[in-house]
Each structure stands twice: as C-alpha cells, then as structure tokens.
Amino acid sequence: MLEIILPIRVTAKAYGFNAVYAGKHWSMRKRDAEYIHLLVQNELLAQKIPRKPMKGPVILEFYYNSRLDCSNHGYITKLIEDGLKGWVIEDDDRRHVKGIYQGFWQGEGVKVRVREEEK
C-alpha cells in the first residue's frame, strides 16, 4: 500500500462538486485540473515516490478534513486521481482502478491511499 499526504485545502467554492454542478466555467475547471495535477506530481517528487505505476488493479482511498458532504468531494477526487496517472497508477479506467473510497480524517490536507485490489 502507498500513502500520500497532499497539502490541499478543500473548500466548497474551490473544489466542491456542487460548484461544478452549478456551472463552473470550463476555463476554471481547466485551471483547477492543471493546478491539482502539478501539485500532486510535485508532492510525489517531494515524498520520493518513484514514477512506477502499480501493475495490478488498485483501490483508491481519499480522506478529507473539510466541511463538505462526503459525496461532494467527487470533483477533487477526480482531479487527484488524474494527477496520479502515469506515476502511481497506469490509468484510471476500470481495468486499473477497481474502486474508489471517500471518507474523512482529522489530519491536514488530503490523505490518499493506493492499495492493490485483494483477490
């Protein structure tokens, strides 16, 4: 299992799914994606996580400490998942990612766990 802590402050206005659902402009979504992908990759470098995608299918777990409802983290979860592609996971299709879990924790930032699917 791999665990990564990302220094992202999750707020409803910036990364809540409701903001996207309400019509967040495509240029803002593009900016969000570029920023989060870069942040994830910089953090992978800083935490000395090798650029070696896991071979088997994985389960991704995301733990947040925010005021958002659990399901409202879907947007930021997707942005982070895309940032992991080619580095920690080979791709985000159903052959490579078998499930995603979103929950809460009391720590700072976003905790991401990548674990191989149990067979």
C-alpha atoms as a PDB file:
ATOM      1  CA  MET A   1       0.000   0.000   0.000  1.00  0.00           C
ATOM      2  CA  LEU A   2       1.123   3.516  -0.796  1.00  0.00           C
ATOM      3  CA  GLU A   3       0.068   6.540   1.260  1.00  0.00           C
ATOM      4  CA  ILE A   4       0.438  10.149   0.142  1.00  0.00           C
ATOM      5  CA  ILE A   5      -0.481  13.323   2.022  1.00  0.00           C
ATOM      6  CA  LEU A   6      -1.364  16.219  -0.284  1.00  0.00           C
ATOM      7  CA  PRO A   7      -1.328  19.800   1.040  1.00  0.00           C
ATOM      8  CA  ILE A   8      -4.701  20.751  -0.414  1.00  0.00           C
ATOM      9  CA  ARG A   9      -7.253  22.834   1.479  1.00  0.00           C
ATOM     10  CA  VAL A  10     -10.636  21.643   0.227  1.00  0.00           C
ATOM     11  CA  THR A  11     -13.432  24.215   0.232  1.00  0.00           C
ATOM     12  CA  ALA A  12     -16.885  24.093  -1.327  1.00  0.00           C
ATOM     13  CA  LYS A  13     -16.220  27.095  -3.562  1.00  0.00           C
ATOM     14  CA  ALA A  14     -12.889  25.863  -4.899  1.00  0.00           C
ATOM     15  CA  TYR A  15     -13.283  22.090  -5.179  1.00  0.00           C
ATOM     16  CA  GLY A  16     -16.786  21.076  -4.136  1.00  0.00           C
ATOM     17  CA  PHE A  17     -18.801  19.095  -6.665  1.00  0.00           C
ATOM     18  CA  ASN A  18     -21.726  21.482  -6.159  1.00  0.00           C
ATOM     19  CA  ALA A  19     -19.673  24.300  -7.732  1.00  0.00           C
ATOM     20  CA  VAL A  20     -19.217  22.224 -10.886  1.00  0.00           C
ATOM     21  CA  TYR A  21     -22.843  21.141 -10.821  1.00  0.00           C
ATOM     22  CA  ALA A  22     -23.847  24.815 -10.613  1.00  0.00           C
ATOM     23  CA  GLY A  23     -21.987  25.573 -13.854  1.00  0.00           C
ATOM     24  CA  LYS A  24     -18.365  26.350 -13.023  1.00  0.00           C
ATOM     25  CA  HIS A  25     -16.868  27.724 -16.247  1.00  0.00           C
ATOM     26  CA  TRP A  26     -14.750  25.294 -18.290  1.00  0.00           C
ATOM     27  CA  SER A  27     -11.714  27.588 -18.094  1.00  0.00           C
ATOM     28  CA  MET A  28     -11.842  27.479 -14.295  1.00  0.00           C
ATOM     29  CA  ARG A  29     -12.170  23.678 -14.365  1.00  0.00           C
ATOM     30  CA  LYS A  30      -9.157  23.517 -16.711  1.00  0.00           C
ATOM     31  CA  ARG A  31      -7.164  25.750 -14.348  1.00  0.00           C
ATOM     32  CA  ASP A  32      -8.185  23.578 -11.370  1.00  0.00           C
ATOM     33  CA  ALA A  33      -7.064  20.423 -13.207  1.00  0.00           C
ATOM     34  CA  GLU A  34      -3.683  21.871 -14.210  1.00  0.00           C
ATOM     35  CA  TYR A  35      -3.043  23.150 -10.688  1.00  0.00           C
ATOM     36  CA  ILE A  36      -4.008  19.911  -8.895  1.00  0.00           C
ATOM     37  CA  HIS A  37      -2.113  17.702 -11.373  1.00  0.00           C
ATOM     38  CA  LEU A  38       1.037  19.812 -10.853  1.00  0.00           C
ATOM     39  CA  LEU A  39       0.572  19.851  -7.074  1.00  0.00           C
ATOM     40  CA  VAL A  40       0.140  16.056  -6.969  1.00  0.00           C
ATOM     41  CA  GLN A  41       3.209  15.453  -9.117  1.00  0.00           C
ATOM     42  CA  ASN A  42       5.341  17.908  -7.104  1.00  0.00           C
ATOM     43  CA  GLU A  43       4.274  16.178  -3.907  1.00  0.00           C
ATOM     44  CA  LEU A  44       5.092  12.748  -5.344  1.00  0.00           C
ATOM     45  CA  LEU A  45       8.572  14.070  -6.120  1.00  0.00           C
ATOM     46  CA  ALA A  46       8.958  15.658  -2.673  1.00  0.00           C
ATOM     47  CA  GLN A  47       7.878  12.423  -0.961  1.00  0.00           C
ATOM     48  CA  LYS A  48      10.341  10.488  -3.146  1.00  0.00           C
ATOM     49  CA  ILE A  49       7.658   8.245  -4.602  1.00  0.00           C
ATOM     50  CA  PRO A  50       9.113   6.579  -7.700  1.00  0.00           C
ATOM     51  CA  ARG A  51       7.475   7.057 -11.068  1.00  0.00           C
ATOM     52  CA  LYS A  52       6.499   3.399 -11.339  1.00  0.00           C
ATOM     53  CA  PRO A  53       2.794   2.698 -11.828  1.00  0.00           C
ATOM     54  CA  MET A  54       1.423  -0.211  -9.818  1.00  0.00           C
ATOM     55  CA  LYS A  55       0.895  -3.286 -12.005  1.00  0.00           C
ATOM     56  CA  GLY A  56      -2.300  -4.771 -10.650  1.00  0.00           C
ATOM     57  CA  PRO A  57      -5.715  -3.218 -10.302  1.00  0.00           C
ATOM     58  CA  VAL A  58      -5.941  -0.834  -7.355  1.00  0.00           C
ATOM     59  CA  ILE A  59      -8.419   0.645  -4.928  1.00  0.00           C
ATOM     60  CA  LEU A  60      -8.016   4.383  -4.323  1.00  0.00           C
ATOM     61  CA  GLU A  61      -8.925   5.782  -0.898  1.00  0.00           C
ATOM     62  CA  PHE A  62      -9.304   9.526  -0.317  1.00  0.00           C
ATOM     63  CA  TYR A  63      -9.590  11.010   3.173  1.00  0.00           C
ATOM     64  CA  TYR A  64     -10.663  14.619   3.637  1.00  0.00           C
ATOM     65  CA  ASN A  65     -10.882  17.044   6.540  1.00  0.00           C
ATOM     66  CA  SER A  66     -13.393  19.567   5.267  1.00  0.00           C
ATOM     67  CA  ARG A  67     -16.947  20.741   5.835  1.00  0.00           C
ATOM     68  CA  LEU A  68     -18.172  19.227   2.579  1.00  0.00           C
ATOM     69  CA  ASP A  69     -20.556  16.289   2.490  1.00  0.00           C
ATOM     70  CA  CYS A  70     -18.709  13.079   1.691  1.00  0.00           C
ATOM     71  CA  SER A  71     -20.064  12.779  -1.871  1.00  0.00           C
ATOM     72  CA  ASN A  72     -19.311  16.446  -2.559  1.00  0.00           C
ATOM     73  CA  HIS A  73     -15.599  15.533  -2.783  1.00  0.00           C
ATOM     74  CA  GLY A  74     -16.119  13.827  -6.174  1.00  0.00           C
ATOM     75  CA  TYR A  75     -14.627  16.704  -8.193  1.00  0.00           C
ATOM     76  CA  ILE A  76     -11.379  16.970  -6.225  1.00  0.00           C
ATOM     77  CA  THR A  77     -11.150  13.164  -6.057  1.00  0.00           C
ATOM     78  CA  LYS A  78     -11.224  13.025  -9.872  1.00  0.00           C
ATOM     79  CA  LEU A  79      -8.608  15.780 -10.190  1.00  0.00           C
ATOM     80  CA  ILE A  80      -6.257  13.962  -7.804  1.00  0.00           C
ATOM     81  CA  GLU A  81      -6.863  10.601  -9.488  1.00  0.00           C
ATOM     82  CA  ASP A  82      -5.908  12.128 -12.854  1.00  0.00           C
ATOM     83  CA  GLY A  83      -2.737  13.545 -11.274  1.00  0.00           C
ATOM     84  CA  LEU A  84      -1.710  10.028 -10.208  1.00  0.00           C
ATOM     85  CA  LYS A  85      -1.956   8.609 -13.752  1.00  0.00           C
ATOM     86  CA  GLY A  86       1.327   7.540 -15.277  1.00  0.00           C
ATOM     87  CA  TRP A  87       3.109   7.869 -11.928  1.00  0.00           C
ATOM     88  CA  VAL A  88       1.350   5.761  -9.309  1.00  0.00           C
ATOM     89  CA  ILE A  89      -1.399   4.200 -11.417  1.00  0.00           C
ATOM     90  CA  GLU A  90      -1.122   3.240 -15.055  1.00  0.00           C
ATOM     91  CA  ASP A  91      -4.537   4.639 -15.994  1.00  0.00           C
ATOM     92  CA  ASP A  92      -7.877   5.378 -14.342  1.00  0.00           C
ATOM     93  CA  ASP A  93     -10.033   3.048 -16.411  1.00  0.00           C
ATOM     94  CA  ARG A  94     -11.864   0.081 -14.900  1.00  0.00           C
ATOM     95  CA  ARG A  95      -9.013  -2.322 -15.686  1.00  0.00           C
ATOM     96  CA  HIS A  96      -6.667  -0.343 -13.426  1.00  0.00           C
ATOM     97  CA  VAL A  97      -8.900   1.260 -10.786  1.00  0.00           C
ATOM     98  CA  LYS A  98     -11.439  -1.178  -9.353  1.00  0.00           C
ATOM     99  CA  GLY A  99     -12.903   1.168  -6.764  1.00  0.00           C
ATOM    100  CA  ILE A 100     -12.727   4.500  -5.009  1.00  0.00           C
ATOM    101  CA  TYR A 101     -13.458   5.219  -1.370  1.00  0.00           C
ATOM    102  CA  GLN A 102     -14.038   8.706   0.039  1.00  0.00           C
ATOM    103  CA  GLY A 103     -14.039   9.326   3.775  1.00  0.00           C
ATOM    104  CA  PHE A 104     -12.899  11.685   6.477  1.00  0.00           C
ATOM    105  CA  TRP A 105      -9.905  12.036   8.753  1.00  0.00           C
ATOM    106  CA  GLN A 106      -8.687  14.599  11.286  1.00  0.00           C
ATOM    107  CA  GLY A 107      -5.323  15.387   9.681  1.00  0.00           C
ATOM    108  CA  GLU A 108      -4.225  18.277   7.498  1.00  0.00           C
ATOM    109  CA  GLY A 109      -4.596  18.123   3.730  1.00  0.00           C
ATOM    110  CA  VAL A 110      -5.838  15.137   1.766  1.00  0.00           C
ATOM    111  CA  LYS A 111      -4.646  11.629   2.572  1.00  0.00           C
ATOM    112  CA  VAL A 112      -4.571   9.296  -0.442  1.00  0.00           C
ATOM    113  CA  ARG A 113      -4.040   5.559  -0.151  1.00  0.00           C
ATOM    114  CA  VAL A 114      -3.402   3.373  -3.165  1.00  0.00           C
ATOM    115  CA  ARG A 115      -3.679  -0.319  -2.472  1.00  0.00           C
ATOM    116  CA  GLU A 116      -3.715  -3.341  -4.699  1.00  0.00           C
ATOM    117  CA  GLU A 117      -7.099  -4.987  -5.055  1.00  0.00           C
ATOM    118  CA  GLU A 118      -7.494  -8.044  -2.851  1.00  0.00           C
ATOM    119  CA  LYS A 119      -8.022 -11.170  -4.896  1.00  0.00           C
END
